[in-house]
């Protein structure tokens, strides 16, 4: 029987206290998920950077890019997390961890990202302090699903 990942560190996460330790937290969580999935991540070298920003980088970001900017630097995936999304940091961290297990060729597929977000929400609803954030995110994702399906069905261009 698989042991569920221990995500309690996300429940106790304090942005002001833990942001300097976010890379260690990320690595510990990726090991938890790796053990749970019994898979090695495709992206093993990841660096998290906290970025202060005055404005949102994109006017219409895709729902799976909200709060972050990703790029590669010397074969290391750098994930910049914007400070105006700090209340969603547990969601963002877990989403980015699961994305480390997804092959690059399908990572931008909206259906894959919807599935990842559903997994993240399922995992986070087990943590009591994060249930309010999960409720907001569920609403957000349901709207995104409706939009994606509407576009795919040709209802909305």
C-alpha atoms as a PDB file:
ATOM      1  CA  UNK A   1       0.000   0.000   0.000  1.00  0.00           C
ATOM      2  CA  UNK A   2       1.324   3.407  -0.975  1.00  0.00           C
ATOM      3  CA  UNK A   3       2.087   5.853   1.778  1.00  0.00           C
ATOM      4  CA  UNK A   4       0.392   9.183   1.118  1.00  0.00           C
ATOM      5  CA  UNK A   5       2.751  12.148   0.845  1.00  0.00           C
ATOM      6  CA  UNK A   6       3.239  14.219   3.979  1.00  0.00           C
ATOM      7  CA  UNK A   7       2.226  17.733   3.003  1.00  0.00           C
ATOM      8  CA  UNK A   8       1.940  19.135   6.522  1.00  0.00           C
ATOM      9  CA  UNK A   9       4.807  21.528   5.861  1.00  0.00           C
ATOM     10  CA  UNK A  10       2.463  23.400   3.500  1.00  0.00           C
ATOM     11  CA  UNK A  11      -0.111  23.792   6.251  1.00  0.00           C
ATOM     12  CA  UNK A  12       2.475  25.292   8.589  1.00  0.00           C
ATOM     13  CA  UNK A  13       4.101  27.396   5.857  1.00  0.00           C
ATOM     14  CA  UNK A  14       4.511  31.042   6.790  1.00  0.00           C
ATOM     15  CA  UNK A  15       5.504  33.220   3.876  1.00  0.00           C
ATOM     16  CA  UNK A  16       7.485  35.711   5.918  1.00  0.00           C
ATOM     17  CA  UNK A  17       9.234  33.019   7.971  1.00  0.00           C
ATOM     18  CA  UNK A  18       9.819  30.324   5.338  1.00  0.00           C
ATOM     19  CA  UNK A  19      10.417  32.146   2.036  1.00  0.00           C
ATOM     20  CA  UNK A  20      14.195  32.001   2.548  1.00  0.00           C
ATOM     21  CA  UNK A  21      13.923  28.240   2.941  1.00  0.00           C
ATOM     22  CA  UNK A  22      11.530  27.678   0.030  1.00  0.00           C
ATOM     23  CA  UNK A  23      14.044  25.692  -2.062  1.00  0.00           C
ATOM     24  CA  UNK A  24      14.600  23.199   0.775  1.00  0.00           C
ATOM     25  CA  UNK A  25      10.858  22.929   1.322  1.00  0.00           C
ATOM     26  CA  UNK A  26      10.358  22.373  -2.415  1.00  0.00           C
ATOM     27  CA  UNK A  27      13.008  19.640  -2.493  1.00  0.00           C
ATOM     28  CA  UNK A  28      11.562  17.897   0.576  1.00  0.00           C
ATOM     29  CA  UNK A  29       8.095  17.956  -0.957  1.00  0.00           C
ATOM     30  CA  UNK A  30       9.318  16.680  -4.312  1.00  0.00           C
ATOM     31  CA  UNK A  31      10.885  13.701  -2.490  1.00  0.00           C
ATOM     32  CA  UNK A  32       7.551  13.064  -0.742  1.00  0.00           C
ATOM     33  CA  UNK A  33       5.713  13.093  -4.081  1.00  0.00           C
ATOM     34  CA  UNK A  34       8.448  11.024  -5.733  1.00  0.00           C
ATOM     35  CA  UNK A  35       8.085   8.340  -3.069  1.00  0.00           C
ATOM     36  CA  UNK A  36       4.303   8.451  -3.347  1.00  0.00           C
ATOM     37  CA  UNK A  37       4.281   8.188  -7.147  1.00  0.00           C
ATOM     38  CA  UNK A  38       7.193   5.764  -7.186  1.00  0.00           C
ATOM     39  CA  UNK A  39       8.602   7.793 -10.084  1.00  0.00           C
ATOM     40  CA  UNK A  40      11.619   9.985 -10.549  1.00  0.00           C
ATOM     41  CA  UNK A  41      10.864  13.541 -11.620  1.00  0.00           C
ATOM     42  CA  UNK A  42      11.739  14.425 -15.190  1.00  0.00           C
ATOM     43  CA  UNK A  43      12.989  17.825 -14.049  1.00  0.00           C
ATOM     44  CA  UNK A  44      15.342  17.237 -11.147  1.00  0.00           C
ATOM     45  CA  UNK A  45      17.091  20.578 -10.959  1.00  0.00           C
ATOM     46  CA  UNK A  46      14.741  23.336  -9.879  1.00  0.00           C
ATOM     47  CA  UNK A  47      15.396  26.681  -8.260  1.00  0.00           C
ATOM     48  CA  UNK A  48      12.630  28.791  -6.708  1.00  0.00           C
ATOM     49  CA  UNK A  49      13.025  32.562  -6.674  1.00  0.00           C
ATOM     50  CA  UNK A  50      10.715  34.960  -4.876  1.00  0.00           C
ATOM     51  CA  UNK A  51      10.177  38.073  -6.965  1.00  0.00           C
ATOM     52  CA  UNK A  52       8.739  41.336  -5.763  1.00  0.00           C
ATOM     53  CA  UNK A  53       6.575  42.838  -8.431  1.00  0.00           C
ATOM     54  CA  UNK A  54       4.450  45.926  -8.782  1.00  0.00           C
ATOM     55  CA  UNK A  55       2.201  44.508 -11.480  1.00  0.00           C
ATOM     56  CA  UNK A  56       1.003  41.245 -12.940  1.00  0.00           C
ATOM     57  CA  UNK A  57       3.356  40.136 -15.717  1.00  0.00           C
ATOM     58  CA  UNK A  58       0.621  39.168 -18.198  1.00  0.00           C
ATOM     59  CA  UNK A  59      -2.818  40.614 -18.661  1.00  0.00           C
ATOM     60  CA  UNK A  60      -4.392  37.234 -19.550  1.00  0.00           C
ATOM     61  CA  UNK A  61      -2.185  34.501 -18.112  1.00  0.00           C
ATOM     62  CA  UNK A  62      -3.135  30.874 -18.590  1.00  0.00           C
ATOM     63  CA  UNK A  63      -4.517  29.468 -15.343  1.00  0.00           C
ATOM     64  CA  UNK A  64      -1.543  27.140 -14.929  1.00  0.00           C
ATOM     65  CA  UNK A  65       0.936  30.010 -15.234  1.00  0.00           C
ATOM     66  CA  UNK A  66      -0.683  32.327 -12.739  1.00  0.00           C
ATOM     67  CA  UNK A  67       1.744  33.594 -10.136  1.00  0.00           C
ATOM     68  CA  UNK A  68       4.919  32.290 -11.774  1.00  0.00           C
ATOM     69  CA  UNK A  69       7.390  32.803 -14.556  1.00  0.00           C
ATOM     70  CA  UNK A  70       9.398  29.758 -15.649  1.00  0.00           C
ATOM     71  CA  UNK A  71      12.627  29.614 -17.612  1.00  0.00           C
ATOM     72  CA  UNK A  72      15.745  27.484 -17.917  1.00  0.00           C
ATOM     73  CA  UNK A  73      19.148  28.703 -16.858  1.00  0.00           C
ATOM     74  CA  UNK A  74      22.118  26.312 -17.257  1.00  0.00           C
ATOM     75  CA  UNK A  75      19.785  23.269 -17.401  1.00  0.00           C
ATOM     76  CA  UNK A  76      18.081  24.323 -14.166  1.00  0.00           C
ATOM     77  CA  UNK A  77      14.385  25.161 -14.187  1.00  0.00           C
ATOM     78  CA  UNK A  78      14.008  28.537 -12.500  1.00  0.00           C
ATOM     79  CA  UNK A  79      10.560  29.299 -11.143  1.00  0.00           C
ATOM     80  CA  UNK A  80       9.976  32.918 -10.180  1.00  0.00           C
ATOM     81  CA  UNK A  81       7.047  33.268  -7.784  1.00  0.00           C
ATOM     82  CA  UNK A  82       5.523  36.735  -7.653  1.00  0.00           C
ATOM     83  CA  UNK A  83       4.846  38.237  -4.241  1.00  0.00           C
ATOM     84  CA  UNK A  84       1.305  39.310  -5.148  1.00  0.00           C
ATOM     85  CA  UNK A  85       0.409  35.583  -5.216  1.00  0.00           C
ATOM     86  CA  UNK A  86       1.995  34.682  -1.876  1.00  0.00           C
ATOM     87  CA  UNK A  87      -1.344  33.610  -0.376  1.00  0.00           C
ATOM     88  CA  UNK A  88      -1.459  30.868  -3.039  1.00  0.00           C
ATOM     89  CA  UNK A  89       2.106  29.681  -2.434  1.00  0.00           C
ATOM     90  CA  UNK A  90       1.113  26.185  -1.209  1.00  0.00           C
ATOM     91  CA  UNK A  91      -0.956  25.691  -4.377  1.00  0.00           C
ATOM     92  CA  UNK A  92       1.802  27.058  -6.604  1.00  0.00           C
ATOM     93  CA  UNK A  93       4.540  24.950  -4.991  1.00  0.00           C
ATOM     94  CA  UNK A  94       2.556  21.729  -5.226  1.00  0.00           C
ATOM     95  CA  UNK A  95       1.494  22.497  -8.810  1.00  0.00           C
ATOM     96  CA  UNK A  96       5.115  23.105  -9.807  1.00  0.00           C
ATOM     97  CA  UNK A  97       6.222  19.895  -8.078  1.00  0.00           C
ATOM     98  CA  UNK A  98       3.709  17.799 -10.004  1.00  0.00           C
ATOM     99  CA  UNK A  99       4.790  19.556 -13.199  1.00  0.00           C
ATOM    100  CA  UNK A 100       8.320  18.241 -12.599  1.00  0.00           C
ATOM    101  CA  UNK A 101       6.938  14.755 -13.343  1.00  0.00           C
ATOM    102  CA  UNK A 102       5.277  15.714 -16.637  1.00  0.00           C
ATOM    103  CA  UNK A 103       7.156  15.402 -19.940  1.00  0.00           C
ATOM    104  CA  UNK A 104       7.864  18.769 -21.582  1.00  0.00           C
ATOM    105  CA  UNK A 105       6.027  17.811 -24.791  1.00  0.00           C
ATOM    106  CA  UNK A 106       2.665  17.639 -22.991  1.00  0.00           C
ATOM    107  CA  UNK A 107       3.249  20.104 -20.156  1.00  0.00           C
ATOM    108  CA  UNK A 108       1.518  23.000 -21.955  1.00  0.00           C
ATOM    109  CA  UNK A 109      -1.598  20.914 -22.670  1.00  0.00           C
ATOM    110  CA  UNK A 110      -4.511  22.521 -20.823  1.00  0.00           C
ATOM    111  CA  UNK A 111      -6.129  19.155 -20.084  1.00  0.00           C
ATOM    112  CA  UNK A 112      -2.942  17.939 -18.392  1.00  0.00           C
ATOM    113  CA  UNK A 113      -2.817  21.134 -16.342  1.00  0.00           C
ATOM    114  CA  UNK A 114      -6.470  20.763 -15.335  1.00  0.00           C
ATOM    115  CA  UNK A 115      -5.701  17.252 -14.091  1.00  0.00           C
ATOM    116  CA  UNK A 116      -2.662  18.503 -12.167  1.00  0.00           C
ATOM    117  CA  UNK A 117      -4.728  21.237 -10.558  1.00  0.00           C
ATOM    118  CA  UNK A 118      -7.367  18.709  -9.550  1.00  0.00           C
ATOM    119  CA  UNK A 119      -4.690  16.534  -7.934  1.00  0.00           C
ATOM    120  CA  UNK A 120      -3.245  19.558  -6.132  1.00  0.00           C
ATOM    121  CA  UNK A 121      -6.666  20.537  -4.826  1.00  0.00           C
ATOM    122  CA  UNK A 122      -7.364  16.986  -3.685  1.00  0.00           C
ATOM    123  CA  UNK A 123      -4.061  16.908  -1.838  1.00  0.00           C
ATOM    124  CA  UNK A 124      -4.533  20.339  -0.276  1.00  0.00           C
ATOM    125  CA  UNK A 125      -8.095  19.740   0.922  1.00  0.00           C
ATOM    126  CA  UNK A 126      -6.621  17.247   3.380  1.00  0.00           C
ATOM    127  CA  UNK A 127      -4.935  20.179   5.111  1.00  0.00           C
ATOM    128  CA  UNK A 128      -7.380  22.138   7.269  1.00  0.00           C
ATOM    129  CA  UNK A 129      -5.773  25.580   7.027  1.00  0.00           C
ATOM    130  CA  UNK A 130      -5.718  25.474   3.249  1.00  0.00           C
ATOM    131  CA  UNK A 131      -9.368  24.594   2.681  1.00  0.00           C
ATOM    132  CA  UNK A 132     -10.370  28.238   2.056  1.00  0.00           C
ATOM    133  CA  UNK A 133      -7.662  28.651  -0.557  1.00  0.00           C
ATOM    134  CA  UNK A 134      -8.811  25.381  -2.109  1.00  0.00           C
ATOM    135  CA  UNK A 135     -12.374  26.656  -2.360  1.00  0.00           C
ATOM    136  CA  UNK A 136     -11.198  29.760  -4.226  1.00  0.00           C
ATOM    137  CA  UNK A 137      -8.971  27.695  -6.509  1.00  0.00           C
ATOM    138  CA  UNK A 138     -11.725  25.140  -7.221  1.00  0.00           C
ATOM    139  CA  UNK A 139     -13.967  27.963  -8.400  1.00  0.00           C
ATOM    140  CA  UNK A 140     -11.107  29.330 -10.489  1.00  0.00           C
ATOM    141  CA  UNK A 141     -10.415  25.930 -12.080  1.00  0.00           C
ATOM    142  CA  UNK A 142     -14.070  25.199 -12.780  1.00  0.00           C
ATOM    143  CA  UNK A 143     -14.290  28.476 -14.680  1.00  0.00           C
ATOM    144  CA  UNK A 144     -11.136  27.558 -16.610  1.00  0.00           C
ATOM    145  CA  UNK A 145     -12.553  24.100 -17.436  1.00  0.00           C
ATOM    146  CA  UNK A 146     -15.776  25.648 -18.691  1.00  0.00           C
ATOM    147  CA  UNK A 147     -13.794  28.074 -20.844  1.00  0.00           C
ATOM    148  CA  UNK A 148     -11.528  25.339 -22.270  1.00  0.00           C
ATOM    149  CA  UNK A 149     -14.459  23.044 -23.045  1.00  0.00           C
ATOM    150  CA  UNK A 150     -16.409  25.924 -24.596  1.00  0.00           C
ATOM    151  CA  UNK A 151     -13.494  26.737 -26.886  1.00  0.00           C
ATOM    152  CA  UNK A 152     -12.936  23.073 -27.799  1.00  0.00           C
ATOM    153  CA  UNK A 153     -16.624  22.630 -28.605  1.00  0.00           C
ATOM    154  CA  UNK A 154     -16.639  25.806 -30.674  1.00  0.00           C
ATOM    155  CA  UNK A 155     -19.165  27.510 -28.418  1.00  0.00           C
ATOM    156  CA  UNK A 156     -16.797  30.347 -27.606  1.00  0.00           C
ATOM    157  CA  UNK A 157     -13.958  31.515 -29.811  1.00  0.00           C
END
